[in-house]
């Protein structure tokens, strides 16, 4: 029996503002297995973004347990979370989050510098990944010289540089035209077919339908 790569058990998340406590997540239990392609959907304010932040170790739960790839990450320090996040999770954001003054290649290399990968190895790996996502000719271009779809492919390449256990894609097609969005989804589906575990956050039904499993979040719970 395969162990889940993401194992959330009864996760709650409360935000406190003065005397007001807002319950955003209300006992979420979720298992994602190696090789899964899961879409998490839900209306605005449903808690799906908070759930993504907890899965991505960008936020910590108020209560509950989170086992990521066999490691209990629930009570790690900020520094420990940052280390695990960089090694285990590749992020793809709606707004690309690329550094504007550096080339596509340098953007992709960056997480490998933090991970302590040697200069020659990280450059070789970044070049190969950029070729794999169809940007071999554009690796020395800066983001402002690339289309939105090409920038998102750079972001996907960057997410892969440390060979993470999970790709976490937050509305990855949200800022793209339909053709570029289709290209991005094809790349994600190819990565999944090669064995990558992908968690996709989206409010677009036609995007969610392309995943293997759809999880609906409403009012802080999985429905």
N, C-alpha and C. Protein backbone atom coordinates (compact mmCIF):
# COMPACT_ATOMS: atom_id res chain seq x y z
N UNK A 1 0.84 -1.20 0.00
CA UNK A 1 0.00 0.00 0.00
C UNK A 1 0.88 1.26 0.00
N UNK A 2 0.63 2.13 -0.99
CA UNK A 2 1.42 3.37 -1.06
C UNK A 2 1.04 4.30 0.08
N UNK A 3 2.06 4.98 0.63
CA UNK A 3 1.79 5.99 1.66
C UNK A 3 1.45 7.31 0.97
N UNK A 4 0.54 8.11 1.57
CA UNK A 4 0.26 9.40 0.96
C UNK A 4 1.47 10.32 1.03
N UNK A 5 1.63 11.16 0.01
CA UNK A 5 2.70 12.16 0.04
C UNK A 5 2.23 13.39 0.82
N UNK A 6 0.90 13.66 0.78
CA UNK A 6 0.28 14.70 1.60
C UNK A 6 -0.77 14.02 2.47
N UNK A 7 -0.65 14.20 3.78
CA UNK A 7 -1.60 13.58 4.71
C UNK A 7 -2.03 14.63 5.74
N UNK A 8 -3.19 15.23 5.50
CA UNK A 8 -3.74 16.23 6.42
C UNK A 8 -4.80 15.57 7.28
N UNK A 9 -4.70 15.77 8.58
CA UNK A 9 -5.63 15.13 9.51
C UNK A 9 -6.29 16.19 10.38
N UNK A 10 -7.60 16.41 10.14
CA UNK A 10 -8.43 17.28 10.97
C UNK A 10 -7.81 18.68 11.14
N UNK A 11 -7.46 19.30 10.01
CA UNK A 11 -6.79 20.60 10.02
C UNK A 11 -7.81 21.72 10.21
N UNK A 12 -7.56 22.55 11.22
CA UNK A 12 -8.34 23.78 11.37
C UNK A 12 -7.40 24.98 11.25
N UNK A 13 -7.95 26.09 10.78
CA UNK A 13 -7.17 27.34 10.72
C UNK A 13 -8.07 28.49 11.14
N UNK A 14 -7.66 29.16 12.20
CA UNK A 14 -8.37 30.34 12.71
C UNK A 14 -7.48 31.57 12.55
N UNK A 15 -8.09 32.67 12.17
CA UNK A 15 -7.38 33.96 12.16
C UNK A 15 -8.01 34.85 13.22
N UNK A 16 -7.16 35.46 14.03
CA UNK A 16 -7.65 36.30 15.12
C UNK A 16 -7.33 37.77 14.81
N UNK A 17 -8.38 38.60 14.81
CA UNK A 17 -8.21 40.04 14.63
C UNK A 17 -8.87 40.72 15.82
N UNK A 18 -8.04 41.23 16.74
CA UNK A 18 -8.60 41.80 17.97
C UNK A 18 -9.34 40.72 18.74
N UNK A 19 -10.63 40.94 18.97
CA UNK A 19 -11.45 39.96 19.70
C UNK A 19 -12.18 39.01 18.75
N UNK A 20 -12.01 39.22 17.45
CA UNK A 20 -12.77 38.44 16.47
C UNK A 20 -11.95 37.24 15.99
N UNK A 21 -12.53 36.04 16.11
CA UNK A 21 -11.89 34.82 15.61
C UNK A 21 -12.65 34.36 14.36
N UNK A 22 -11.92 34.23 13.25
CA UNK A 22 -12.55 33.75 12.01
C UNK A 22 -12.07 32.33 11.74
N UNK A 23 -13.02 31.39 11.68
CA UNK A 23 -12.68 29.98 11.39
C UNK A 23 -12.67 29.79 9.88
N UNK A 24 -11.48 29.67 9.30
CA UNK A 24 -11.38 29.56 7.83
C UNK A 24 -11.42 28.10 7.39
N UNK A 25 -10.67 27.23 8.08
CA UNK A 25 -10.73 25.79 7.80
C UNK A 25 -11.30 25.09 9.03
N UNK A 26 -12.22 24.15 8.79
CA UNK A 26 -12.97 23.55 9.91
C UNK A 26 -12.85 22.03 9.87
N UNK A 27 -11.65 21.53 10.15
CA UNK A 27 -11.48 20.08 10.25
C UNK A 27 -11.32 19.40 8.89
N UNK A 28 -10.31 19.83 8.15
CA UNK A 28 -10.06 19.26 6.82
C UNK A 28 -9.15 18.03 6.93
N UNK A 29 -9.60 16.91 6.38
CA UNK A 29 -8.79 15.70 6.29
C UNK A 29 -8.63 15.36 4.81
N UNK A 30 -7.39 15.18 4.39
CA UNK A 30 -7.13 14.99 2.96
C UNK A 30 -5.87 14.16 2.78
N UNK A 31 -5.94 13.16 1.88
CA UNK A 31 -4.77 12.37 1.53
C UNK A 31 -4.53 12.49 0.02
N UNK A 32 -3.29 12.78 -0.34
CA UNK A 32 -2.90 12.82 -1.75
C UNK A 32 -1.75 11.83 -1.92
N UNK A 33 -1.88 10.92 -2.87
CA UNK A 33 -0.91 9.85 -3.05
C UNK A 33 0.08 10.16 -4.18
N UNK A 34 1.27 9.54 -4.15
CA UNK A 34 2.25 9.77 -5.21
C UNK A 34 1.64 9.51 -6.59
N UNK A 35 1.83 10.46 -7.50
CA UNK A 35 1.30 10.30 -8.86
C UNK A 35 -0.11 10.80 -9.04
N UNK A 36 -0.73 11.30 -7.96
CA UNK A 36 -2.06 11.89 -8.09
C UNK A 36 -2.00 13.21 -8.85
N UNK A 37 -3.10 13.58 -9.48
CA UNK A 37 -3.30 14.92 -10.05
C UNK A 37 -4.63 15.39 -9.51
N UNK A 38 -4.57 16.26 -8.50
CA UNK A 38 -5.75 16.68 -7.75
C UNK A 38 -6.03 18.15 -8.03
N UNK A 39 -7.29 18.47 -8.34
CA UNK A 39 -7.72 19.86 -8.45
C UNK A 39 -8.54 20.20 -7.21
N UNK A 40 -8.19 21.31 -6.56
CA UNK A 40 -8.97 21.81 -5.43
C UNK A 40 -9.74 23.04 -5.90
N UNK A 41 -11.06 22.97 -5.81
CA UNK A 41 -11.89 24.06 -6.28
C UNK A 41 -12.81 24.54 -5.17
N UNK A 42 -13.40 25.70 -5.39
CA UNK A 42 -14.35 26.24 -4.42
C UNK A 42 -14.54 27.71 -4.68
N UNK A 43 -15.67 28.26 -4.23
CA UNK A 43 -15.93 29.68 -4.45
C UNK A 43 -14.97 30.56 -3.65
N UNK A 44 -14.94 31.83 -3.99
CA UNK A 44 -14.15 32.81 -3.24
C UNK A 44 -14.55 32.76 -1.77
N UNK A 45 -13.57 32.74 -0.88
CA UNK A 45 -13.88 32.70 0.55
C UNK A 45 -14.18 31.32 1.10
N UNK A 46 -13.99 30.29 0.25
CA UNK A 46 -14.31 28.92 0.70
C UNK A 46 -13.23 28.34 1.60
N UNK A 47 -12.02 28.91 1.54
CA UNK A 47 -10.90 28.37 2.31
C UNK A 47 -9.88 27.65 1.46
N UNK A 48 -10.10 27.60 0.13
CA UNK A 48 -9.17 26.83 -0.71
C UNK A 48 -7.77 27.45 -0.75
N UNK A 49 -7.69 28.80 -0.70
CA UNK A 49 -6.37 29.44 -0.71
C UNK A 49 -5.62 29.18 0.60
N UNK A 50 -6.36 29.20 1.70
CA UNK A 50 -5.74 28.88 3.01
C UNK A 50 -5.27 27.44 3.02
N UNK A 51 -6.08 26.55 2.48
CA UNK A 51 -5.69 25.14 2.39
C UNK A 51 -4.43 24.99 1.55
N UNK A 52 -4.35 25.71 0.43
CA UNK A 52 -3.15 25.66 -0.40
C UNK A 52 -1.93 26.16 0.36
N UNK A 53 -2.11 27.25 1.12
CA UNK A 53 -0.98 27.80 1.88
C UNK A 53 -0.48 26.82 2.94
N UNK A 54 -1.40 26.05 3.53
CA UNK A 54 -0.98 25.05 4.53
C UNK A 54 -0.29 23.88 3.84
N UNK A 55 -0.86 23.40 2.73
CA UNK A 55 -0.21 22.31 1.98
C UNK A 55 1.19 22.74 1.54
N UNK A 56 1.32 24.02 1.12
CA UNK A 56 2.61 24.53 0.63
C UNK A 56 3.55 25.02 1.70
N UNK A 57 3.18 24.83 2.98
CA UNK A 57 4.00 25.24 4.13
C UNK A 57 4.24 26.74 4.17
N UNK A 58 3.32 27.50 3.56
CA UNK A 58 3.38 28.97 3.63
C UNK A 58 2.61 29.48 4.85
N UNK A 59 1.83 28.59 5.46
CA UNK A 59 1.07 28.92 6.66
C UNK A 59 0.98 27.64 7.50
N UNK A 60 0.68 27.81 8.78
CA UNK A 60 0.62 26.64 9.68
C UNK A 60 -0.80 26.50 10.23
N UNK A 61 -1.25 25.26 10.44
CA UNK A 61 -2.61 25.08 10.97
C UNK A 61 -2.71 25.47 12.44
N UNK A 62 -3.92 25.84 12.85
CA UNK A 62 -4.19 26.11 14.27
C UNK A 62 -4.23 24.80 15.05
N UNK A 63 -4.89 23.80 14.45
CA UNK A 63 -4.95 22.46 15.05
C UNK A 63 -4.85 21.44 13.93
N UNK A 64 -4.56 20.20 14.32
CA UNK A 64 -4.48 19.11 13.36
C UNK A 64 -3.04 18.74 13.04
N UNK A 65 -2.88 17.72 12.20
CA UNK A 65 -1.55 17.21 11.86
C UNK A 65 -1.36 17.20 10.35
N UNK A 66 -0.13 17.48 9.94
CA UNK A 66 0.24 17.44 8.52
C UNK A 66 1.51 16.63 8.37
N UNK A 67 1.38 15.48 7.69
CA UNK A 67 2.55 14.65 7.36
C UNK A 67 2.84 14.86 5.88
N UNK A 68 4.03 15.36 5.56
CA UNK A 68 4.44 15.59 4.18
C UNK A 68 5.59 14.64 3.85
N UNK A 69 5.31 13.71 2.93
CA UNK A 69 6.37 12.78 2.50
C UNK A 69 7.02 12.10 3.70
N UNK A 70 6.19 11.61 4.62
CA UNK A 70 6.65 10.85 5.80
C UNK A 70 7.22 11.71 6.93
N UNK A 71 7.17 13.03 6.79
CA UNK A 71 7.72 13.90 7.84
C UNK A 71 6.59 14.73 8.44
N UNK A 72 6.50 14.73 9.77
CA UNK A 72 5.49 15.56 10.44
C UNK A 72 5.98 17.01 10.43
N UNK A 73 5.30 17.85 9.62
CA UNK A 73 5.75 19.24 9.45
C UNK A 73 4.89 20.21 10.27
N UNK A 74 4.01 19.67 11.12
CA UNK A 74 3.02 20.51 11.80
C UNK A 74 3.67 21.54 12.72
N UNK A 75 4.71 21.17 13.40
CA UNK A 75 5.28 22.08 14.41
C UNK A 75 6.71 22.50 14.10
N UNK A 76 7.08 22.52 12.85
CA UNK A 76 8.44 22.94 12.49
C UNK A 76 8.60 24.46 12.65
N UNK A 77 9.84 24.89 12.87
CA UNK A 77 10.12 26.33 12.95
C UNK A 77 10.05 26.93 11.54
N UNK A 78 10.07 28.26 11.48
CA UNK A 78 10.02 28.95 10.18
C UNK A 78 11.17 28.51 9.27
N UNK A 79 12.37 28.43 9.84
CA UNK A 79 13.55 28.05 9.05
C UNK A 79 13.44 26.61 8.55
N UNK A 80 12.95 25.74 9.42
CA UNK A 80 12.78 24.32 9.03
C UNK A 80 11.73 24.20 7.94
N UNK A 81 10.64 24.95 8.07
CA UNK A 81 9.59 24.94 7.04
C UNK A 81 10.14 25.42 5.70
N UNK A 82 10.94 26.48 5.73
CA UNK A 82 11.51 27.03 4.49
C UNK A 82 12.41 25.99 3.81
N UNK A 83 13.17 25.26 4.61
CA UNK A 83 14.07 24.24 4.04
C UNK A 83 13.27 23.11 3.40
N UNK A 84 12.26 22.60 4.12
CA UNK A 84 11.43 21.51 3.59
C UNK A 84 10.67 21.98 2.35
N UNK A 85 10.15 23.20 2.41
CA UNK A 85 9.38 23.77 1.29
C UNK A 85 10.24 23.82 0.02
N UNK A 86 11.47 24.28 0.17
CA UNK A 86 12.35 24.42 -1.00
C UNK A 86 12.71 23.07 -1.62
N UNK A 87 12.82 22.04 -0.77
CA UNK A 87 13.22 20.71 -1.27
C UNK A 87 12.03 19.90 -1.78
N UNK A 88 10.87 20.05 -1.13
CA UNK A 88 9.76 19.11 -1.36
C UNK A 88 8.66 19.65 -2.27
N UNK A 89 8.55 20.99 -2.38
CA UNK A 89 7.39 21.57 -3.07
C UNK A 89 7.85 22.53 -4.15
N UNK A 90 7.34 22.32 -5.36
CA UNK A 90 7.58 23.27 -6.46
C UNK A 90 6.33 24.10 -6.66
N UNK A 91 6.47 25.43 -6.64
CA UNK A 91 5.32 26.32 -6.74
C UNK A 91 5.18 26.90 -8.14
N UNK A 92 3.93 26.96 -8.61
CA UNK A 92 3.60 27.68 -9.84
C UNK A 92 2.45 28.61 -9.49
N UNK A 93 2.69 29.93 -9.61
CA UNK A 93 1.68 30.91 -9.19
C UNK A 93 1.01 31.55 -10.41
N UNK A 94 -0.19 32.07 -10.17
CA UNK A 94 -0.94 32.75 -11.23
C UNK A 94 -0.13 33.92 -11.81
N UNK A 95 0.57 34.65 -10.94
CA UNK A 95 1.28 35.86 -11.38
C UNK A 95 2.75 35.59 -11.73
N UNK A 96 3.11 34.33 -11.91
CA UNK A 96 4.45 33.88 -12.35
C UNK A 96 5.54 34.07 -11.28
N UNK A 97 5.56 35.27 -10.62
CA UNK A 97 6.55 35.54 -9.56
C UNK A 97 7.99 35.38 -10.04
N UNK A 98 8.28 35.88 -11.24
CA UNK A 98 9.64 35.83 -11.76
C UNK A 98 10.37 37.12 -11.40
N UNK A 99 11.69 37.02 -11.24
CA UNK A 99 12.51 38.22 -11.01
C UNK A 99 12.74 38.91 -12.35
N UNK A 100 12.36 40.18 -12.43
CA UNK A 100 12.32 40.86 -13.73
C UNK A 100 13.70 41.16 -14.31
N UNK A 101 14.70 41.28 -13.43
CA UNK A 101 16.02 41.70 -13.93
C UNK A 101 16.97 40.54 -14.20
N UNK A 102 16.44 39.33 -14.12
CA UNK A 102 17.30 38.17 -14.40
C UNK A 102 16.69 37.34 -15.52
N UNK A 103 17.53 36.59 -16.19
CA UNK A 103 17.09 35.80 -17.34
C UNK A 103 16.20 34.63 -16.89
N UNK A 104 15.54 34.02 -17.85
CA UNK A 104 14.74 32.82 -17.58
C UNK A 104 15.61 31.77 -16.89
N UNK A 105 16.81 31.57 -17.43
CA UNK A 105 17.72 30.56 -16.87
C UNK A 105 18.05 30.87 -15.40
N UNK A 106 18.36 32.13 -15.10
CA UNK A 106 18.71 32.50 -13.73
C UNK A 106 17.50 32.36 -12.79
N UNK A 107 16.31 32.66 -13.29
CA UNK A 107 15.10 32.47 -12.48
C UNK A 107 14.91 31.01 -12.11
N UNK A 108 15.16 30.13 -13.06
CA UNK A 108 14.98 28.69 -12.82
C UNK A 108 16.03 28.17 -11.84
N UNK A 109 17.24 28.68 -11.92
CA UNK A 109 18.35 28.22 -11.08
C UNK A 109 18.16 28.58 -9.61
N UNK A 110 17.48 29.70 -9.35
CA UNK A 110 17.45 30.28 -8.00
C UNK A 110 17.15 29.30 -6.86
N UNK A 111 16.06 28.48 -6.92
CA UNK A 111 15.80 27.58 -5.79
C UNK A 111 16.93 26.56 -5.56
N UNK A 112 17.67 26.23 -6.62
CA UNK A 112 18.77 25.26 -6.48
C UNK A 112 19.96 25.89 -5.75
N UNK A 113 20.11 27.22 -5.85
CA UNK A 113 21.16 27.90 -5.09
C UNK A 113 20.86 27.75 -3.60
N UNK A 114 19.58 28.02 -3.21
CA UNK A 114 19.19 27.89 -1.80
C UNK A 114 19.32 26.45 -1.31
N UNK A 115 19.17 25.50 -2.23
CA UNK A 115 19.26 24.08 -1.85
C UNK A 115 20.71 23.60 -1.79
N UNK A 116 21.65 24.46 -2.18
CA UNK A 116 23.07 24.10 -2.08
C UNK A 116 23.58 23.22 -3.21
N UNK A 117 22.89 23.24 -4.36
CA UNK A 117 23.33 22.44 -5.51
C UNK A 117 24.51 23.16 -6.16
N UNK A 118 25.51 22.39 -6.61
CA UNK A 118 26.71 23.00 -7.18
C UNK A 118 26.37 23.79 -8.45
N UNK A 119 27.19 24.78 -8.74
CA UNK A 119 26.93 25.71 -9.85
C UNK A 119 26.76 24.98 -11.18
N UNK A 120 27.70 24.08 -11.49
CA UNK A 120 27.66 23.38 -12.78
C UNK A 120 26.41 22.51 -12.89
N UNK A 121 26.10 21.82 -11.80
CA UNK A 121 24.97 20.88 -11.81
C UNK A 121 23.65 21.62 -11.96
N UNK A 122 23.50 22.74 -11.23
CA UNK A 122 22.21 23.46 -11.29
C UNK A 122 22.01 24.11 -12.66
N UNK A 123 23.11 24.61 -13.27
CA UNK A 123 22.98 25.22 -14.59
C UNK A 123 22.61 24.17 -15.63
N UNK A 124 23.26 23.04 -15.58
CA UNK A 124 22.98 21.95 -16.53
C UNK A 124 21.52 21.48 -16.39
N UNK A 125 21.08 21.34 -15.15
CA UNK A 125 19.71 20.88 -14.92
C UNK A 125 18.69 21.92 -15.40
N UNK A 126 18.95 23.18 -15.09
CA UNK A 126 18.02 24.25 -15.49
C UNK A 126 17.92 24.34 -17.02
N UNK A 127 19.04 24.22 -17.70
CA UNK A 127 19.02 24.27 -19.17
C UNK A 127 18.19 23.12 -19.74
N UNK A 128 18.37 21.94 -19.17
CA UNK A 128 17.62 20.77 -19.67
C UNK A 128 16.11 20.96 -19.45
N UNK A 129 15.73 21.44 -18.27
CA UNK A 129 14.30 21.62 -17.99
C UNK A 129 13.69 22.67 -18.91
N UNK A 130 14.42 23.76 -19.15
CA UNK A 130 13.90 24.81 -20.05
C UNK A 130 13.72 24.27 -21.46
N UNK A 131 14.64 23.43 -21.90
CA UNK A 131 14.48 22.78 -23.22
C UNK A 131 13.23 21.89 -23.20
N UNK A 132 13.04 21.15 -22.10
CA UNK A 132 11.88 20.24 -21.99
C UNK A 132 10.55 20.99 -22.06
N UNK A 133 10.50 22.23 -21.53
CA UNK A 133 9.23 22.99 -21.57
C UNK A 133 9.16 23.89 -22.82
N UNK A 134 10.08 23.67 -23.75
CA UNK A 134 10.00 24.37 -25.05
C UNK A 134 10.60 25.75 -25.08
N UNK A 135 11.53 26.03 -24.14
CA UNK A 135 12.12 27.37 -24.09
C UNK A 135 13.63 27.36 -24.29
N UNK A 136 14.12 26.33 -24.96
CA UNK A 136 15.56 26.24 -25.21
C UNK A 136 16.13 27.47 -25.90
N UNK A 137 15.35 28.08 -26.79
CA UNK A 137 15.81 29.25 -27.54
C UNK A 137 15.68 30.55 -26.73
N UNK A 138 14.91 30.50 -25.63
CA UNK A 138 14.59 31.75 -24.93
C UNK A 138 15.19 31.82 -23.53
N UNK A 139 16.10 30.91 -23.19
CA UNK A 139 16.54 30.83 -21.80
C UNK A 139 17.32 32.06 -21.33
N UNK A 140 17.87 32.82 -22.27
CA UNK A 140 18.63 34.02 -21.86
C UNK A 140 17.80 35.30 -21.95
N UNK A 141 16.53 35.16 -22.31
CA UNK A 141 15.63 36.32 -22.32
C UNK A 141 15.15 36.65 -20.91
N UNK A 142 14.88 37.93 -20.69
CA UNK A 142 14.29 38.37 -19.42
C UNK A 142 12.77 38.23 -19.51
N UNK A 143 12.08 38.18 -18.36
CA UNK A 143 10.62 37.98 -18.39
C UNK A 143 9.87 38.96 -19.30
N UNK A 144 10.31 40.25 -19.34
CA UNK A 144 9.58 41.22 -20.17
C UNK A 144 9.75 40.97 -21.66
N UNK A 145 10.64 40.04 -22.02
CA UNK A 145 10.83 39.67 -23.43
C UNK A 145 10.07 38.38 -23.77
N UNK A 146 9.28 37.90 -22.82
CA UNK A 146 8.54 36.65 -23.01
C UNK A 146 7.04 36.91 -22.90
N UNK A 147 6.26 36.10 -23.60
CA UNK A 147 4.79 36.18 -23.47
C UNK A 147 4.38 35.61 -22.11
N UNK A 148 3.10 35.85 -21.75
CA UNK A 148 2.59 35.32 -20.48
C UNK A 148 2.73 33.80 -20.41
N UNK A 149 2.39 33.13 -21.50
CA UNK A 149 2.50 31.67 -21.53
C UNK A 149 3.94 31.20 -21.36
N UNK A 150 4.88 31.92 -21.99
CA UNK A 150 6.30 31.56 -21.85
C UNK A 150 6.78 31.83 -20.42
N UNK A 151 6.32 32.92 -19.82
CA UNK A 151 6.71 33.20 -18.43
C UNK A 151 6.20 32.10 -17.49
N UNK A 152 4.98 31.61 -17.75
CA UNK A 152 4.46 30.54 -16.89
C UNK A 152 5.26 29.26 -17.09
N UNK A 153 5.75 29.03 -18.31
CA UNK A 153 6.59 27.84 -18.54
C UNK A 153 7.93 27.98 -17.80
N UNK A 154 8.45 29.20 -17.72
CA UNK A 154 9.66 29.44 -16.90
C UNK A 154 9.35 29.09 -15.44
N UNK A 155 8.17 29.53 -14.97
CA UNK A 155 7.79 29.25 -13.57
C UNK A 155 7.65 27.75 -13.33
N UNK A 156 7.11 27.03 -14.32
CA UNK A 156 7.01 25.56 -14.18
C UNK A 156 8.41 24.94 -14.13
N UNK A 157 9.29 25.43 -15.00
CA UNK A 157 10.68 24.93 -15.00
C UNK A 157 11.34 25.18 -13.64
N UNK A 158 11.12 26.38 -13.10
CA UNK A 158 11.69 26.72 -11.78
C UNK A 158 11.14 25.78 -10.71
N UNK A 159 9.86 25.43 -10.81
CA UNK A 159 9.25 24.55 -9.80
C UNK A 159 9.86 23.16 -9.81
N UNK A 160 10.48 22.78 -10.92
CA UNK A 160 11.02 21.42 -11.08
C UNK A 160 12.50 21.29 -10.70
N UNK A 161 13.18 22.40 -10.50
CA UNK A 161 14.65 22.39 -10.43
C UNK A 161 15.18 21.52 -9.28
N UNK A 162 14.46 21.48 -8.15
CA UNK A 162 14.93 20.67 -7.01
C UNK A 162 14.27 19.29 -6.95
N UNK A 163 13.63 18.89 -8.06
CA UNK A 163 12.96 17.58 -8.16
C UNK A 163 12.04 17.36 -6.95
N UNK A 164 11.04 18.24 -6.77
CA UNK A 164 10.20 18.17 -5.57
C UNK A 164 9.25 16.99 -5.58
N UNK A 165 8.73 16.66 -4.39
CA UNK A 165 7.73 15.59 -4.28
C UNK A 165 6.40 16.03 -4.89
N UNK A 166 6.10 17.33 -4.81
CA UNK A 166 4.80 17.86 -5.23
C UNK A 166 4.99 19.13 -6.06
N UNK A 167 4.17 19.28 -7.10
CA UNK A 167 4.02 20.56 -7.78
C UNK A 167 2.70 21.15 -7.30
N UNK A 168 2.77 22.35 -6.74
CA UNK A 168 1.58 23.04 -6.24
C UNK A 168 1.32 24.23 -7.15
N UNK A 169 0.26 24.14 -7.94
CA UNK A 169 -0.04 25.16 -8.95
C UNK A 169 -1.28 25.94 -8.55
N UNK A 170 -1.10 27.23 -8.27
CA UNK A 170 -2.20 28.08 -7.81
C UNK A 170 -2.73 28.91 -8.97
N UNK A 171 -3.90 28.55 -9.49
CA UNK A 171 -4.52 29.24 -10.64
C UNK A 171 -3.49 29.46 -11.76
N UNK A 172 -2.80 28.39 -12.21
CA UNK A 172 -1.68 28.58 -13.13
C UNK A 172 -2.08 29.12 -14.50
N UNK A 173 -3.37 29.01 -14.86
CA UNK A 173 -3.83 29.51 -16.16
C UNK A 173 -4.62 30.82 -16.01
N UNK A 174 -4.70 31.34 -14.78
CA UNK A 174 -5.58 32.48 -14.49
C UNK A 174 -5.27 33.74 -15.27
N UNK A 175 -3.99 33.98 -15.58
CA UNK A 175 -3.61 35.21 -16.28
C UNK A 175 -3.30 34.97 -17.76
N UNK A 176 -3.72 33.82 -18.29
CA UNK A 176 -3.31 33.45 -19.65
C UNK A 176 -4.51 33.38 -20.59
N UNK A 177 -4.23 33.60 -21.89
CA UNK A 177 -5.28 33.34 -22.89
C UNK A 177 -5.49 31.83 -23.00
N UNK A 178 -6.58 31.43 -23.68
CA UNK A 178 -6.95 30.00 -23.66
C UNK A 178 -5.88 29.12 -24.30
N UNK A 179 -5.22 29.59 -25.36
CA UNK A 179 -4.17 28.78 -26.03
C UNK A 179 -2.99 28.55 -25.07
N UNK A 180 -2.52 29.64 -24.43
CA UNK A 180 -1.40 29.50 -23.48
C UNK A 180 -1.80 28.65 -22.29
N UNK A 181 -3.05 28.82 -21.84
CA UNK A 181 -3.56 28.00 -20.73
C UNK A 181 -3.56 26.52 -21.08
N UNK A 182 -3.98 26.21 -22.31
CA UNK A 182 -3.96 24.81 -22.77
C UNK A 182 -2.54 24.26 -22.78
N UNK A 183 -1.58 25.10 -23.23
CA UNK A 183 -0.17 24.66 -23.27
C UNK A 183 0.34 24.33 -21.87
N UNK A 184 -0.01 25.20 -20.91
CA UNK A 184 0.42 24.98 -19.52
C UNK A 184 -0.19 23.69 -18.97
N UNK A 185 -1.48 23.46 -19.24
CA UNK A 185 -2.13 22.24 -18.76
C UNK A 185 -1.51 20.99 -19.40
N UNK A 186 -1.13 21.09 -20.67
CA UNK A 186 -0.47 19.94 -21.34
C UNK A 186 0.84 19.60 -20.64
N UNK A 187 1.61 20.64 -20.28
CA UNK A 187 2.88 20.40 -19.59
C UNK A 187 2.63 19.73 -18.23
N UNK A 188 1.64 20.24 -17.49
CA UNK A 188 1.33 19.65 -16.18
C UNK A 188 0.88 18.20 -16.31
N UNK A 189 0.07 17.93 -17.34
CA UNK A 189 -0.40 16.55 -17.54
C UNK A 189 0.75 15.62 -17.95
N UNK A 190 1.68 16.15 -18.74
CA UNK A 190 2.87 15.36 -19.11
C UNK A 190 3.71 15.05 -17.87
N UNK A 191 3.92 16.07 -17.03
CA UNK A 191 4.69 15.86 -15.79
C UNK A 191 4.01 14.82 -14.91
N UNK A 192 2.69 14.88 -14.83
CA UNK A 192 1.94 13.90 -14.04
C UNK A 192 2.10 12.50 -14.62
N UNK A 193 2.04 12.39 -15.96
CA UNK A 193 2.21 11.09 -16.62
C UNK A 193 3.61 10.52 -16.34
N UNK A 194 4.58 11.42 -16.12
CA UNK A 194 5.96 10.99 -15.80
C UNK A 194 6.12 10.68 -14.32
N UNK A 195 5.04 10.84 -13.54
CA UNK A 195 5.10 10.43 -12.13
C UNK A 195 5.03 11.55 -11.11
N UNK A 196 5.00 12.82 -11.56
CA UNK A 196 4.95 13.92 -10.60
C UNK A 196 3.55 14.01 -9.96
N UNK A 197 3.53 14.30 -8.67
CA UNK A 197 2.28 14.54 -7.96
C UNK A 197 1.94 16.02 -8.11
N UNK A 198 0.71 16.30 -8.56
CA UNK A 198 0.32 17.69 -8.82
C UNK A 198 -0.95 18.04 -8.07
N UNK A 199 -0.89 19.16 -7.35
CA UNK A 199 -2.07 19.72 -6.70
C UNK A 199 -2.33 21.08 -7.35
N UNK A 200 -3.52 21.22 -7.91
CA UNK A 200 -3.88 22.40 -8.69
C UNK A 200 -5.03 23.12 -7.99
N UNK A 201 -4.86 24.41 -7.74
CA UNK A 201 -5.95 25.22 -7.18
C UNK A 201 -6.57 26.00 -8.34
N UNK A 202 -7.87 25.89 -8.52
CA UNK A 202 -8.51 26.61 -9.62
C UNK A 202 -9.98 26.86 -9.31
N UNK A 203 -10.51 27.95 -9.88
CA UNK A 203 -11.96 28.16 -9.80
C UNK A 203 -12.60 27.88 -11.16
N UNK A 204 -11.76 27.49 -12.15
CA UNK A 204 -12.26 27.24 -13.51
C UNK A 204 -12.64 25.77 -13.66
N UNK A 205 -13.91 25.53 -13.96
CA UNK A 205 -14.42 24.16 -14.02
C UNK A 205 -13.72 23.34 -15.12
N UNK A 206 -13.49 23.97 -16.29
CA UNK A 206 -12.89 23.22 -17.39
C UNK A 206 -11.43 22.87 -17.11
N UNK A 207 -10.77 23.67 -16.28
CA UNK A 207 -9.39 23.35 -15.87
C UNK A 207 -9.42 22.20 -14.85
N UNK A 208 -10.31 22.30 -13.87
CA UNK A 208 -10.42 21.27 -12.83
C UNK A 208 -10.72 19.90 -13.43
N UNK A 209 -11.55 19.89 -14.48
CA UNK A 209 -11.95 18.62 -15.11
C UNK A 209 -10.77 17.86 -15.70
N UNK A 210 -9.65 18.55 -15.94
CA UNK A 210 -8.50 17.89 -16.55
C UNK A 210 -7.65 17.13 -15.53
N UNK A 211 -7.94 17.33 -14.25
CA UNK A 211 -7.24 16.57 -13.19
C UNK A 211 -7.86 15.19 -13.06
N UNK A 212 -7.19 14.31 -12.30
CA UNK A 212 -7.72 12.95 -12.08
C UNK A 212 -8.77 12.94 -10.96
N UNK A 213 -8.61 13.87 -10.00
CA UNK A 213 -9.56 13.95 -8.89
C UNK A 213 -9.89 15.42 -8.67
N UNK A 214 -11.15 15.69 -8.31
CA UNK A 214 -11.56 17.05 -7.98
C UNK A 214 -12.04 17.07 -6.53
N UNK A 215 -11.51 18.01 -5.77
CA UNK A 215 -11.91 18.18 -4.37
C UNK A 215 -12.57 19.56 -4.24
N UNK A 216 -13.81 19.58 -3.78
CA UNK A 216 -14.54 20.82 -3.61
C UNK A 216 -14.45 21.29 -2.16
N UNK A 217 -14.08 22.56 -1.99
CA UNK A 217 -14.03 23.14 -0.65
C UNK A 217 -15.14 24.18 -0.54
N UNK A 218 -15.91 24.10 0.53
CA UNK A 218 -16.99 25.07 0.75
C UNK A 218 -17.08 25.36 2.25
N UNK A 219 -17.11 26.64 2.59
CA UNK A 219 -17.25 27.06 4.00
C UNK A 219 -16.23 26.35 4.91
N UNK A 220 -15.00 26.22 4.40
CA UNK A 220 -13.92 25.69 5.24
C UNK A 220 -13.88 24.18 5.39
N UNK A 221 -14.72 23.48 4.61
CA UNK A 221 -14.74 22.01 4.69
C UNK A 221 -14.68 21.42 3.29
N UNK A 222 -14.20 20.17 3.21
CA UNK A 222 -14.27 19.44 1.94
C UNK A 222 -15.67 18.85 1.83
N UNK A 223 -16.34 19.15 0.71
CA UNK A 223 -17.72 18.65 0.54
C UNK A 223 -17.76 17.57 -0.53
